[in-house]
Amino acid sequence: MKYQIRKLLILASKILCFVTLPACQLYAADQTQFDRLKSNENLSDVKQTINVKDKGAIGDGVANDTAAIQAVIDKIEGTGGTVFIPDGTYMIDALTSLRIKSKMTLRLSGGAILKAIPNKEVKYHIILIAGVSNVNIIGGTVQGDRATHTGTSGEWGMGIRICNSMNVLIDGVTAKDCWGDGFEIDRGISNNILNDVMPVNITLVNCIADNNRRQGLSIISANGVIIQNCTFKNTNGADPQAGIDLEPNCATDIINNVQILNCQIFNNARSGITTNGKLGRDAIKNVTISGNNVYNNGEIDQWSHAITIAYTSGVMICGNDIHDNKRSGVCITNKSTGNTVTNNTIINNGNSNRDAGIVLYGIKGNSTGNTIKGNTVTGNKQANILDCNGGNTFIGNIDSNSSPSLTVSHATVVAGGTVNASWSRVFIPTSADWIGIYEQGATGNSKDLPYFYTSGGETVYETPLPGATAKSSGTASIVFPVTMPAGTYELRLYSYNTLITTSAPITVSKADQTITFGDLPMKTVRDAPFTLSATASSWMRRDIMAKVVPW
């Protein structure tokens, strides 16, 4: 009875967390999922429990306990009963795997460890949940062979893999030191063919993923996933090296209705959380990232942002504390549209001039139509909020005036004169970024040669200088050609061939012209025509030949 009361209290706390989440939409399927969890947690209320040590498992860290534990799992299958694993280290052949069956609970005590026997293979699963339903895995530790792996290739050695299954609860499990992921959720393959059934209603609660080589958690295909009160830390070794990665593997994979709630996500080599729907904009949808503490992630390169949203629409990032990450706090990039970033605290992120609190840009397609609202964004490296594409909405953010800027030294200039242009806060500049002169409000090509950011001498070039170095801020002298007609112009700054900012208007007037003629020869009326030479002071032709007819 005490155990049943404790489980009901846990369930109540889960539901309470959903009620109190900060201003973030939750999807209708959630209550159904919690009803299912309640049913799962009651599987073992009055059913049989078998201790694996009573059936031949040793748990001494030496003996291979795979067969003994699997025999108990097979016996409990379909009964709603529990396989109990007491304290001890149980060596598991991860190439064979512990294969969980339907309608059962695998419960590990706090000191129980399922440890992979070292192998050299590119792929393994310590626990495999495939093609089953109504399963609980509760407590204990699943430990990979990262430190003792005898191979050097591959990245698919998993702690717990869930594929083409439904109604699965993983509660209080630590997955660590795996050659690949701590946890993975996908469709799986049967007879070398992808299964048609994606995982449905999968929940990880109070779990820890630590020091796994590729990912703390990969979600490749699923409908209805709750990740709550979990910790994802210290992922490093094989890309993507994220705490949580939502990334379909093929065009038919779909990730729908995912909640990442109240988790601790830190010290991951690349992103804390990343979505990558490059195989189709609708491949990832209905994702909520709320109430998480995301910090000290992203030590490797410019793509290692705390939260990275790429090729994805409809993600809600709300009420998170995102701080002290080595790259940007939130990055929305590459054709990502319709996402919302609201009521987050995003501070002290970034260690280079390429980093910002929130940045929106697109190397492989603009990210527009996103809403950034009510965030506190301060103390970030390059800028606090940086919109490199335009077409996004910003409402009520604290310290949000951090977009790229382009200022000019003069509002008026005579044709042939010079204007000093200063730019700043260009996110991830390249040596092919440029500034051009345009008629105000006009479309089409620049009226003058583009100015390319270079490391040697700020001047105007038709093509980038060899070895040019990009600059996120700088100054340049822009010469307005003497041939330029009078009118109103502006400078425009382009990055990745995308307009990111425009200067104030510049009025161009024509320069005074002086024409100097050569000496006139003595002529009388009716003499033959003769040629007269002249020179101009500026934009007119320097050498003028005029035919004069005396009369």
Protein backbone atom coordinates (compact mmCIF):
# COMPACT_ATOMS: atom_id res chain seq x y z
CA MET A 1 0.00 0.00 0.00
CA LYS A 2 2.85 2.44 0.77
CA TYR A 3 4.30 1.83 -2.67
CA GLN A 4 0.92 2.47 -4.32
CA ILE A 5 0.46 5.74 -2.37
CA ARG A 6 3.96 6.90 -3.34
CA LYS A 7 3.27 6.23 -7.02
CA LEU A 8 -0.02 8.14 -6.87
CA LEU A 9 1.79 11.09 -5.29
CA ILE A 10 4.33 11.03 -8.12
CA LEU A 11 1.50 11.01 -10.63
CA ALA A 12 -0.16 13.94 -8.87
CA SER A 13 3.08 15.92 -8.97
CA LYS A 14 3.38 15.30 -12.72
CA ILE A 15 -0.09 16.63 -13.35
CA LEU A 16 0.60 19.64 -11.09
CA CYS A 17 3.69 20.49 -13.15
CA PHE A 18 1.54 20.70 -16.24
CA VAL A 19 -0.96 23.00 -14.58
CA THR A 20 1.69 25.48 -13.41
CA LEU A 21 3.85 25.77 -16.54
CA PRO A 22 4.50 29.41 -17.53
CA ALA A 23 2.26 30.77 -20.30
CA CYS A 24 2.93 27.94 -22.71
CA GLN A 25 0.33 26.01 -24.71
CA LEU A 26 0.03 22.30 -24.06
CA TYR A 27 -1.60 19.96 -26.50
CA ALA A 28 -4.86 18.09 -26.05
CA ALA A 29 -3.22 14.66 -26.09
CA ASP A 30 -1.48 15.29 -22.77
CA GLN A 31 -4.35 14.29 -20.46
CA THR A 32 -4.85 11.07 -22.41
CA GLN A 33 -1.17 10.36 -21.99
CA PHE A 34 -1.36 10.87 -18.24
CA ASP A 35 -4.42 8.64 -18.03
CA ARG A 36 -2.34 6.00 -19.79
CA LEU A 37 0.52 6.53 -17.33
CA LYS A 38 -1.81 5.95 -14.43
CA SER A 39 -2.88 2.67 -16.01
CA ASN A 40 0.77 1.72 -16.57
CA GLU A 41 1.77 2.49 -13.01
CA ASN A 42 -0.97 0.25 -11.70
CA LEU A 43 0.18 -2.71 -13.81
CA SER A 44 1.98 -4.25 -10.86
CA ASP A 45 -0.38 -3.29 -8.02
CA VAL A 46 -1.65 -6.83 -7.47
CA LYS A 47 0.44 -8.79 -9.92
CA GLN A 48 3.37 -11.13 -9.49
CA THR A 49 6.87 -9.81 -8.75
CA ILE A 50 9.92 -11.98 -9.48
CA ASN A 51 13.38 -11.23 -8.10
CA VAL A 52 15.95 -12.07 -10.79
CA LYS A 53 18.43 -13.30 -8.16
CA ASP A 54 15.90 -15.98 -7.28
CA LYS A 55 16.13 -17.18 -10.88
CA GLY A 56 19.89 -17.38 -11.32
CA ALA A 57 21.12 -13.82 -11.89
CA ILE A 58 24.37 -13.11 -10.01
CA GLY A 59 24.94 -9.34 -10.14
CA ASP A 60 28.64 -9.51 -9.26
CA GLY A 61 29.96 -7.42 -12.16
CA VAL A 62 31.59 -10.50 -13.72
CA ALA A 63 28.97 -13.08 -14.66
CA ASN A 64 26.92 -12.65 -17.83
CA ASP A 65 23.39 -12.23 -16.46
CA THR A 66 21.64 -11.63 -19.79
CA ALA A 67 19.99 -15.03 -20.12
CA ALA A 68 18.86 -15.23 -16.49
CA ILE A 69 17.18 -11.83 -16.58
CA GLN A 70 15.67 -12.41 -20.02
CA ALA A 71 14.11 -15.66 -18.79
CA VAL A 72 12.28 -13.75 -16.05
CA ILE A 73 11.15 -11.08 -18.54
CA ASP A 74 9.76 -13.81 -20.80
CA LYS A 75 7.92 -15.38 -17.86
CA ILE A 76 6.32 -12.07 -16.79
CA GLU A 77 5.29 -11.12 -20.35
CA GLY A 78 1.65 -10.10 -20.67
CA THR A 79 0.80 -10.60 -16.99
CA GLY A 80 1.18 -7.03 -15.75
CA GLY A 81 3.77 -8.32 -13.29
CA THR A 82 7.18 -6.97 -12.27
CA VAL A 83 10.72 -8.12 -12.88
CA PHE A 84 12.68 -6.89 -9.86
CA ILE A 85 16.45 -6.36 -10.02
CA PRO A 86 18.06 -5.74 -6.60
CA ASP A 87 21.36 -3.96 -5.91
CA GLY A 88 24.31 -5.28 -7.86
CA THR A 89 26.12 -4.93 -11.19
CA TYR A 90 24.59 -7.20 -13.83
CA MET A 91 26.68 -7.71 -16.98
CA ILE A 92 24.52 -7.64 -20.11
CA ASP A 93 25.34 -8.77 -23.63
CA ALA A 94 24.18 -5.58 -25.39
CA LEU A 95 24.37 -7.27 -28.79
CA THR A 96 21.66 -9.67 -27.61
CA SER A 97 19.92 -7.02 -25.43
CA LEU A 98 17.36 -7.36 -22.69
CA ARG A 99 14.20 -7.47 -24.79
CA ILE A 100 11.25 -6.07 -22.89
CA LYS A 101 7.80 -7.59 -23.46
CA SER A 102 4.29 -6.10 -23.36
CA LYS A 103 2.31 -5.40 -20.21
CA MET A 104 5.11 -5.64 -17.68
CA THR A 105 7.34 -3.60 -15.37
CA LEU A 106 11.11 -3.83 -15.07
CA ARG A 107 12.01 -2.30 -11.71
CA LEU A 108 15.60 -1.75 -10.58
CA SER A 109 16.61 -0.85 -7.04
CA GLY A 110 18.68 2.29 -6.53
CA GLY A 111 21.94 0.31 -6.48
CA ALA A 112 21.17 -1.91 -9.47
CA ILE A 113 23.31 -1.46 -12.59
CA LEU A 114 22.76 -3.11 -15.97
CA LYS A 115 26.22 -2.83 -17.54
CA ALA A 116 27.16 -3.60 -21.13
CA ILE A 117 29.79 -6.28 -21.64
CA PRO A 118 32.54 -4.55 -23.71
CA ASN A 119 32.25 -5.11 -27.45
CA LYS A 120 33.64 -3.68 -30.70
CA GLU A 121 30.40 -3.27 -32.63
CA VAL A 122 29.04 -0.02 -34.05
CA LYS A 123 25.54 -0.71 -32.71
CA TYR A 124 24.01 -2.20 -29.57
CA HIS A 125 21.13 -1.79 -27.11
CA ILE A 126 21.37 -2.72 -23.44
CA ILE A 127 17.56 -2.55 -23.11
CA LEU A 128 15.45 -2.89 -26.25
CA ILE A 129 11.74 -2.01 -26.17
CA ALA A 130 10.51 -2.96 -29.65
CA GLY A 131 7.01 -3.65 -30.94
CA VAL A 132 5.40 -3.78 -27.48
CA SER A 133 2.95 -1.82 -25.36
CA ASN A 134 2.17 -0.94 -21.75
CA VAL A 135 5.69 -1.10 -20.37
CA ASN A 136 7.35 0.51 -17.33
CA ILE A 137 11.09 0.72 -16.68
CA ILE A 138 11.65 2.11 -13.19
CA GLY A 139 14.82 3.08 -11.34
CA GLY A 140 18.44 1.98 -11.43
CA THR A 141 21.28 2.59 -13.88
CA VAL A 142 21.98 1.44 -17.42
CA GLN A 143 25.69 1.76 -18.17
CA GLY A 144 27.39 1.48 -21.56
CA ASP A 145 30.88 0.37 -22.46
CA ARG A 146 32.27 3.74 -23.52
CA ALA A 147 35.43 3.40 -21.42
CA THR A 148 36.05 -0.19 -22.49
CA HIS A 149 34.63 -0.33 -26.03
CA THR A 150 37.05 -2.25 -28.23
CA GLY A 151 35.96 -0.71 -31.56
CA THR A 152 36.61 2.77 -32.90
CA SER A 153 33.75 3.39 -35.33
CA GLY A 154 29.99 3.82 -35.11
CA GLU A 155 27.79 5.88 -32.82
CA TRP A 156 24.78 3.66 -32.18
CA GLY A 157 25.52 1.96 -28.90
CA MET A 158 22.34 2.76 -26.93
CA GLY A 159 21.38 2.45 -23.30
CA ILE A 160 17.61 2.17 -23.83
CA ARG A 161 16.09 2.07 -27.30
CA ILE A 162 12.31 2.40 -27.80
CA CYS A 163 10.99 1.60 -31.27
CA ASN A 164 7.53 1.03 -32.78
CA SER A 165 6.06 0.70 -29.28
CA MET A 166 3.32 2.49 -27.37
CA ASN A 167 2.51 3.41 -23.80
CA VAL A 168 6.04 3.29 -22.40
CA LEU A 169 7.10 4.92 -19.13
CA ILE A 170 10.77 5.31 -18.17
CA ASP A 171 10.89 6.62 -14.60
CA GLY A 172 13.99 7.42 -12.55
CA VAL A 173 16.49 5.61 -14.79
CA THR A 174 20.09 6.78 -15.30
CA ALA A 175 21.66 5.97 -18.68
CA LYS A 176 25.36 6.75 -18.83
CA ASP A 177 28.66 6.04 -20.61
CA CYS A 178 27.05 4.72 -23.78
CA TRP A 179 28.91 4.47 -27.08
CA GLY A 180 25.94 6.26 -28.68
CA ASP A 181 22.82 7.63 -26.91
CA GLY A 182 21.57 7.22 -23.41
CA PHE A 183 17.98 6.98 -24.73
CA GLU A 184 16.66 6.68 -28.29
CA ILE A 185 13.09 6.76 -29.65
CA ASP A 186 12.51 5.70 -33.28
CA ARG A 187 10.47 3.47 -35.58
CA GLY A 188 12.98 0.64 -35.82
CA ILE A 189 13.65 -1.76 -38.65
CA SER A 190 12.20 -5.22 -39.36
CA ASN A 191 13.75 -7.36 -42.08
CA ASN A 192 15.79 -4.35 -43.21
CA ILE A 193 12.59 -2.33 -43.74
CA LEU A 194 11.48 0.62 -41.62
CA ASN A 195 8.44 -0.17 -39.48
CA ASP A 196 5.27 1.71 -40.37
CA VAL A 197 4.30 2.16 -36.70
CA MET A 198 6.02 5.01 -34.90
CA PRO A 199 6.35 5.08 -31.09
CA VAL A 200 3.25 6.53 -29.41
CA ASN A 201 2.84 7.89 -25.88
CA ILE A 202 6.39 7.67 -24.56
CA THR A 203 7.35 9.32 -21.27
CA LEU A 204 10.70 9.88 -19.59
CA VAL A 205 10.41 11.32 -16.10
CA ASN A 206 13.11 11.87 -13.45
CA CYS A 207 15.71 10.28 -15.74
CA ILE A 208 19.40 11.15 -16.12
CA ALA A 209 21.57 10.88 -19.25
CA ASP A 210 25.25 11.39 -18.41
CA ASN A 211 28.50 11.17 -20.39
CA ASN A 212 27.01 9.50 -23.42
CA ARG A 213 29.03 9.78 -26.59
CA ARG A 214 26.50 10.93 -29.21
CA GLN A 215 23.31 12.12 -27.50
CA GLY A 216 21.60 12.15 -24.16
CA LEU A 217 18.30 11.50 -25.96
CA SER A 218 17.50 11.15 -29.66
CA ILE A 219 13.93 11.38 -30.91
CA ILE A 220 13.80 10.24 -34.53
CA SER A 221 10.14 9.38 -34.94
CA ALA A 222 7.29 9.53 -32.41
CA ASN A 223 3.82 10.83 -31.70
CA GLY A 224 3.35 11.98 -28.12
CA VAL A 225 6.51 12.24 -26.03
CA ILE A 226 6.86 13.78 -22.57
CA ILE A 227 10.32 14.50 -21.19
CA GLN A 228 9.89 15.85 -17.66
CA ASN A 229 12.13 16.56 -14.66
CA CYS A 230 15.08 14.89 -16.39
CA THR A 231 18.78 15.74 -16.56
CA PHE A 232 20.86 15.65 -19.76
CA LYS A 233 24.53 16.38 -19.20
CA ASN A 234 28.10 15.82 -20.38
CA THR A 235 27.30 14.52 -23.87
CA ASN A 236 30.53 14.47 -25.88
CA GLY A 237 32.48 12.50 -28.44
CA ALA A 238 30.40 11.91 -31.62
CA ASP A 239 28.22 14.47 -33.41
CA PRO A 240 25.65 15.87 -32.87
CA GLN A 241 26.75 15.69 -29.17
CA ALA A 242 23.51 17.28 -27.89
CA GLY A 243 21.60 16.85 -24.68
CA ILE A 244 18.36 16.25 -26.64
CA ASP A 245 18.19 15.94 -30.44
CA LEU A 246 14.91 15.87 -32.40
CA GLU A 247 15.95 14.78 -35.88
CA PRO A 248 14.11 12.53 -38.36
CA ASN A 249 16.36 10.11 -40.22
CA CYS A 250 14.31 9.83 -43.40
CA ALA A 251 11.55 11.64 -45.26
CA THR A 252 8.80 9.45 -43.77
CA ASP A 253 9.83 10.00 -40.14
CA ILE A 254 7.50 12.33 -38.20
CA ILE A 255 8.04 13.85 -34.75
CA ASN A 256 4.80 15.21 -33.33
CA ASN A 257 3.58 16.46 -29.95
CA VAL A 258 6.75 16.54 -27.87
CA GLN A 259 6.98 18.23 -24.46
CA ILE A 260 10.38 18.96 -22.88
CA LEU A 261 9.54 20.22 -19.41
CA ASN A 262 11.42 21.28 -16.28
CA CYS A 263 14.69 19.58 -17.22
CA GLN A 264 18.30 20.36 -16.32
CA ILE A 265 20.43 20.46 -19.50
CA PHE A 266 24.11 21.34 -19.16
CA ASN A 267 27.73 20.63 -20.13
CA ASN A 268 26.85 19.12 -23.50
CA ALA A 269 29.53 19.62 -26.14
CA ARG A 270 27.15 21.05 -28.72
CA SER A 271 23.52 22.11 -28.28
CA GLY A 272 21.54 21.53 -25.13
CA ILE A 273 18.40 21.00 -27.26
CA THR A 274 18.32 20.89 -31.05
CA THR A 275 15.68 20.25 -33.70
CA ASN A 276 16.63 19.50 -37.29
CA GLY A 277 13.77 18.90 -39.70
CA LYS A 278 15.86 19.25 -42.86
CA LEU A 279 14.06 16.35 -44.53
CA GLY A 280 10.78 18.30 -44.53
CA ARG A 281 9.42 21.38 -42.78
CA ASP A 282 6.47 19.43 -41.37
CA ALA A 283 8.64 16.58 -40.12
CA ILE A 284 8.81 18.16 -36.65
CA LYS A 285 5.72 19.85 -35.24
CA ASN A 286 3.92 20.68 -32.00
CA VAL A 287 7.01 20.87 -29.80
CA THR A 288 7.02 22.66 -26.44
CA ILE A 289 10.25 23.48 -24.59
CA SER A 290 9.26 24.93 -21.24
CA GLY A 291 10.58 25.48 -17.72
CA ASN A 292 14.05 24.09 -18.41
CA ASN A 293 17.40 25.23 -17.03
CA VAL A 294 19.83 25.22 -19.97
CA TYR A 295 23.42 26.25 -19.26
CA ASN A 296 27.10 25.73 -20.05
CA ASN A 297 26.48 23.97 -23.36
CA GLY A 298 28.18 24.40 -26.73
CA GLU A 299 31.93 24.33 -26.37
CA ILE A 300 32.77 23.20 -29.93
CA ASP A 301 31.80 25.65 -32.71
CA GLN A 302 29.34 28.23 -34.00
CA TRP A 303 26.53 25.67 -34.43
CA SER A 304 26.56 24.70 -30.76
CA HIS A 305 23.85 26.99 -29.43
CA ALA A 306 22.00 26.27 -26.20
CA ILE A 307 18.74 25.74 -28.12
CA THR A 308 18.99 25.37 -31.91
CA ILE A 309 15.87 25.30 -34.10
CA ALA A 310 16.62 24.41 -37.74
CA TYR A 311 14.22 23.57 -40.58
CA THR A 312 11.40 23.49 -38.02
CA SER A 313 8.05 25.22 -37.56
CA GLY A 314 5.69 25.55 -34.62
CA VAL A 315 8.13 25.17 -31.71
CA MET A 316 7.19 26.98 -28.48
CA ILE A 317 10.17 27.96 -26.31
CA CYS A 318 8.78 29.49 -23.15
CA GLY A 319 9.64 30.09 -19.52
CA ASN A 320 13.17 28.68 -19.72
CA ASP A 321 16.31 29.88 -17.93
CA ILE A 322 19.03 29.93 -20.62
CA HIS A 323 22.33 31.22 -19.29
CA ASP A 324 26.11 31.01 -19.44
CA ASN A 325 26.23 28.92 -22.59
CA LYS A 326 29.35 29.17 -24.72
CA ARG A 327 27.47 30.01 -27.91
CA SER A 328 24.12 31.75 -28.49
CA GLY A 329 21.15 31.20 -26.20
CA VAL A 330 18.45 30.53 -28.82
CA CYS A 331 19.21 30.19 -32.53
CA ILE A 332 16.38 29.94 -35.09
CA THR A 333 17.84 29.19 -38.50
CA ASN A 334 17.47 27.65 -41.96
CA LYS A 335 13.87 28.10 -43.10
CA SER A 336 12.39 27.87 -39.59
CA THR A 337 9.07 29.73 -39.43
CA GLY A 338 6.12 30.12 -37.08
CA ASN A 339 8.11 29.49 -33.90
CA THR A 340 7.57 31.44 -30.66
CA VAL A 341 10.12 32.42 -28.03
CA THR A 342 8.29 33.87 -25.01
CA ASN A 343 8.92 34.75 -21.37
CA ASN A 344 12.42 33.28 -21.23
CA THR A 345 15.38 34.61 -19.24
CA ILE A 346 18.40 34.56 -21.55
CA ILE A 347 21.58 36.02 -20.05
CA ASN A 348 25.37 35.87 -20.33
CA ASN A 349 25.55 33.62 -23.38
CA GLY A 350 28.35 33.60 -25.96
CA ASN A 351 32.11 33.78 -26.07
CA SER A 352 32.72 35.35 -29.49
CA ASN A 353 31.40 38.12 -31.68
CA ARG A 354 29.27 35.56 -33.48
CA ASP A 355 27.10 34.89 -30.42
CA ALA A 356 23.85 36.50 -29.27
CA GLY A 357 21.08 35.93 -26.76
CA ILE A 358 18.51 35.21 -29.48
CA VAL A 359 19.53 35.11 -33.14
CA LEU A 360 17.43 34.53 -36.25
CA TYR A 361 19.17 33.94 -39.55
CA GLY A 362 19.37 31.52 -42.45
CA ILE A 363 22.38 30.31 -44.36
CA LYS A 364 20.20 27.86 -46.31
CA GLY A 365 16.98 29.86 -46.31
CA ASN A 366 15.59 32.75 -44.31
CA SER A 367 13.91 32.25 -40.94
CA THR A 368 10.88 34.55 -40.91
CA GLY A 369 7.42 34.68 -39.35
CA ASN A 370 8.71 33.90 -35.84
CA THR A 371 7.53 35.71 -32.70
CA ILE A 372 9.91 36.86 -29.96
CA LYS A 373 7.89 38.18 -27.03
CA GLY A 374 8.34 39.12 -23.37
CA ASN A 375 11.87 37.78 -22.95
CA THR A 376 14.55 39.18 -20.65
CA VAL A 377 17.69 39.09 -22.78
CA THR A 378 20.75 40.78 -21.32
CA GLY A 379 24.52 40.52 -21.06
CA ASN A 380 25.02 38.35 -24.15
CA LYS A 381 28.24 38.63 -26.16
CA GLN A 382 27.63 40.09 -29.63
CA ALA A 383 24.05 41.23 -29.17
CA ASN A 384 20.99 40.43 -27.14
CA ILE A 385 18.46 39.92 -29.94
CA LEU A 386 19.72 39.74 -33.50
CA ASP A 387 17.38 39.46 -36.49
CA CYS A 388 19.50 38.92 -39.60
CA ASN A 389 16.59 38.18 -41.96
CA GLY A 390 13.77 40.54 -41.05
CA GLY A 391 10.14 39.49 -41.23
CA ASN A 392 9.94 38.45 -37.56
CA THR A 393 7.87 40.00 -34.76
CA PHE A 394 9.37 41.42 -31.54
CA ILE A 395 7.07 42.45 -28.68
CA GLY A 396 7.93 43.61 -25.17
CA ASN A 397 11.41 42.17 -24.84
CA ILE A 398 13.85 43.69 -22.35
CA ASP A 399 17.02 44.96 -24.05
CA SER A 400 16.08 43.93 -27.54
CA ASN A 401 17.70 46.76 -29.55
CA SER A 402 20.52 44.62 -30.83
CA SER A 403 19.89 44.05 -34.52
CA PRO A 404 22.55 44.68 -37.18
CA SER A 405 23.15 48.39 -37.80
CA LEU A 406 24.57 50.48 -40.63
CA THR A 407 25.23 54.18 -40.04
CA VAL A 408 26.67 56.89 -42.30
CA SER A 409 28.75 59.96 -41.55
CA HIS A 410 26.87 62.38 -43.82
CA ALA A 411 23.26 62.88 -44.85
CA THR A 412 24.36 64.80 -47.97
CA VAL A 413 27.24 64.35 -50.37
CA VAL A 414 28.34 65.77 -53.69
CA ALA A 415 28.82 63.22 -56.49
CA GLY A 416 32.42 62.16 -56.36
CA GLY A 417 32.52 62.61 -52.59
CA THR A 418 32.98 60.08 -49.81
CA VAL A 419 30.70 58.84 -47.02
CA ASN A 420 32.05 56.83 -44.09
CA ALA A 421 29.88 53.81 -43.34
CA SER A 422 29.99 51.92 -40.04
CA TRP A 423 28.39 48.51 -39.50
CA SER A 424 28.01 46.36 -36.40
CA ARG A 425 26.42 43.19 -35.04
CA VAL A 426 26.62 41.16 -38.24
CA PHE A 427 26.08 37.57 -37.13
CA ILE A 428 28.52 35.05 -38.62
CA PRO A 429 29.91 37.42 -41.30
CA THR A 430 31.66 36.16 -44.42
CA SER A 431 34.19 37.78 -46.70
CA ALA A 432 31.50 37.90 -49.40
CA ASP A 433 29.13 40.11 -47.38
CA TRP A 434 28.82 43.55 -48.91
CA ILE A 435 27.48 47.09 -48.76
CA GLY A 436 25.96 48.66 -51.89
CA ILE A 437 24.57 52.04 -52.94
CA TYR A 438 20.89 52.03 -53.92
CA GLU A 439 18.31 54.58 -54.93
CA GLN A 440 16.09 54.94 -51.88
CA GLY A 441 13.32 52.36 -51.94
CA ALA A 442 14.45 50.87 -55.25
CA THR A 443 14.80 47.18 -56.00
CA GLY A 444 17.41 45.58 -58.17
CA ASN A 445 21.16 45.78 -58.25
CA SER A 446 23.45 48.22 -56.53
CA LYS A 447 24.16 51.54 -58.22
CA ASP A 448 27.83 51.04 -57.41
CA LEU A 449 30.35 48.30 -56.82
CA PRO A 450 29.75 46.35 -53.63
CA TYR A 451 31.99 46.88 -50.66
CA PHE A 452 33.37 43.59 -49.34
CA TYR A 453 34.53 43.12 -45.76
CA THR A 454 38.28 42.56 -45.90
CA SER A 455 41.17 42.25 -43.51
CA GLY A 456 43.43 44.53 -45.50
CA GLY A 457 42.31 48.06 -46.38
CA GLU A 458 38.67 49.03 -46.25
CA THR A 459 37.89 49.91 -49.86
CA VAL A 460 35.55 49.06 -52.73
CA TYR A 461 36.07 45.84 -54.70
CA GLU A 462 34.14 44.04 -57.38
CA THR A 463 35.13 40.68 -55.89
CA PRO A 464 36.37 39.61 -52.45
CA LEU A 465 40.08 39.91 -51.87
CA PRO A 466 41.90 36.56 -51.66
CA GLY A 467 42.22 35.58 -48.03
CA ALA A 468 39.77 38.26 -46.92
CA THR A 469 38.67 38.07 -43.29
CA ALA A 470 35.04 38.67 -42.37
CA LYS A 471 34.22 41.26 -39.75
CA SER A 472 31.08 41.53 -37.66
CA SER A 473 31.71 45.28 -37.19
CA GLY A 474 33.86 47.87 -38.91
CA THR A 475 34.00 51.03 -41.01
CA ALA A 476 34.51 51.78 -44.70
CA SER A 477 34.84 54.80 -46.97
CA ILE A 478 32.23 54.58 -49.72
CA VAL A 479 32.89 56.80 -52.74
CA PHE A 480 29.82 58.06 -54.60
CA PRO A 481 30.82 58.09 -58.30
CA VAL A 482 31.09 61.43 -60.05
CA THR A 483 28.78 60.03 -62.73
CA MET A 484 25.96 59.46 -60.23
CA PRO A 485 22.80 61.47 -60.98
CA ALA A 486 21.46 63.75 -58.26
CA GLY A 487 18.90 62.08 -56.02
CA THR A 488 18.24 60.29 -52.72
CA TYR A 489 20.16 57.09 -52.03
CA GLU A 490 20.82 54.62 -49.19
CA LEU A 491 23.42 52.02 -48.29
CA ARG A 492 22.31 48.43 -47.85
CA LEU A 493 24.23 45.70 -46.04
CA TYR A 494 23.91 42.14 -47.31
CA SER A 495 24.93 38.94 -45.54
CA TYR A 496 24.59 35.57 -47.27
CA ASN A 497 22.98 37.52 -50.15
CA THR A 498 20.22 38.62 -47.77
CA LEU A 499 19.48 42.25 -46.92
CA ILE A 500 19.94 42.62 -43.16
CA THR A 501 19.96 46.40 -42.60
CA THR A 502 19.73 49.76 -44.40
CA SER A 503 21.30 53.15 -43.67
CA ALA A 504 19.55 56.49 -43.31
CA PRO A 505 18.89 58.38 -46.60
CA ILE A 506 21.77 60.16 -48.31
CA THR A 507 21.08 63.10 -50.64
CA VAL A 508 23.49 63.30 -53.59
CA SER A 509 23.91 66.55 -55.52
CA LYS A 510 25.89 67.22 -58.68
CA ALA A 511 29.31 68.81 -58.38
CA ASP A 512 30.00 72.20 -60.02
CA GLN A 513 31.52 71.71 -63.44
CA THR A 514 34.27 73.79 -65.07
CA ILE A 515 35.05 73.49 -68.78
CA THR A 516 38.33 74.93 -69.99
CA PHE A 517 38.78 75.52 -73.74
CA GLY A 518 42.04 75.66 -75.62
CA ASP A 519 43.29 78.78 -77.41
CA LEU A 520 41.06 79.99 -80.24
CA PRO A 521 42.79 80.40 -83.60
CA MET A 522 42.22 83.55 -85.69
CA LYS A 523 39.37 82.89 -88.06
CA THR A 524 37.03 84.90 -90.25
CA VAL A 525 33.51 84.37 -91.48
CA ARG A 526 33.17 81.71 -94.17
CA ASP A 527 36.44 80.03 -93.19
CA ALA A 528 36.35 76.23 -93.17
CA PRO A 529 35.12 74.44 -90.01
CA PHE A 530 37.81 73.71 -87.42
CA THR A 531 38.22 71.64 -84.24
CA LEU A 532 38.37 73.12 -80.73
CA SER A 533 39.58 71.12 -77.67
CA ALA A 534 38.41 71.50 -74.04
CA THR A 535 38.73 69.79 -70.65
CA ALA A 536 36.16 69.24 -67.84
CA SER A 537 36.81 69.44 -64.08
CA SER A 538 34.94 66.30 -62.97
CA TRP A 539 32.37 63.90 -64.30
CA MET A 540 32.19 65.11 -67.93
CA ARG A 541 34.60 63.76 -70.50
CA ARG A 542 38.08 65.06 -69.85
CA ASP A 543 38.89 65.59 -73.55
CA ILE A 544 36.24 67.30 -75.67
CA MET A 545 36.58 67.87 -79.43
CA ALA A 546 34.11 70.40 -80.85
CA LYS A 547 33.66 71.19 -84.56
CA VAL A 548 33.14 74.94 -85.01
CA VAL A 549 31.67 76.51 -88.19
CA PRO A 550 32.56 80.22 -88.60
CA TRP A 551 29.73 82.38 -89.99
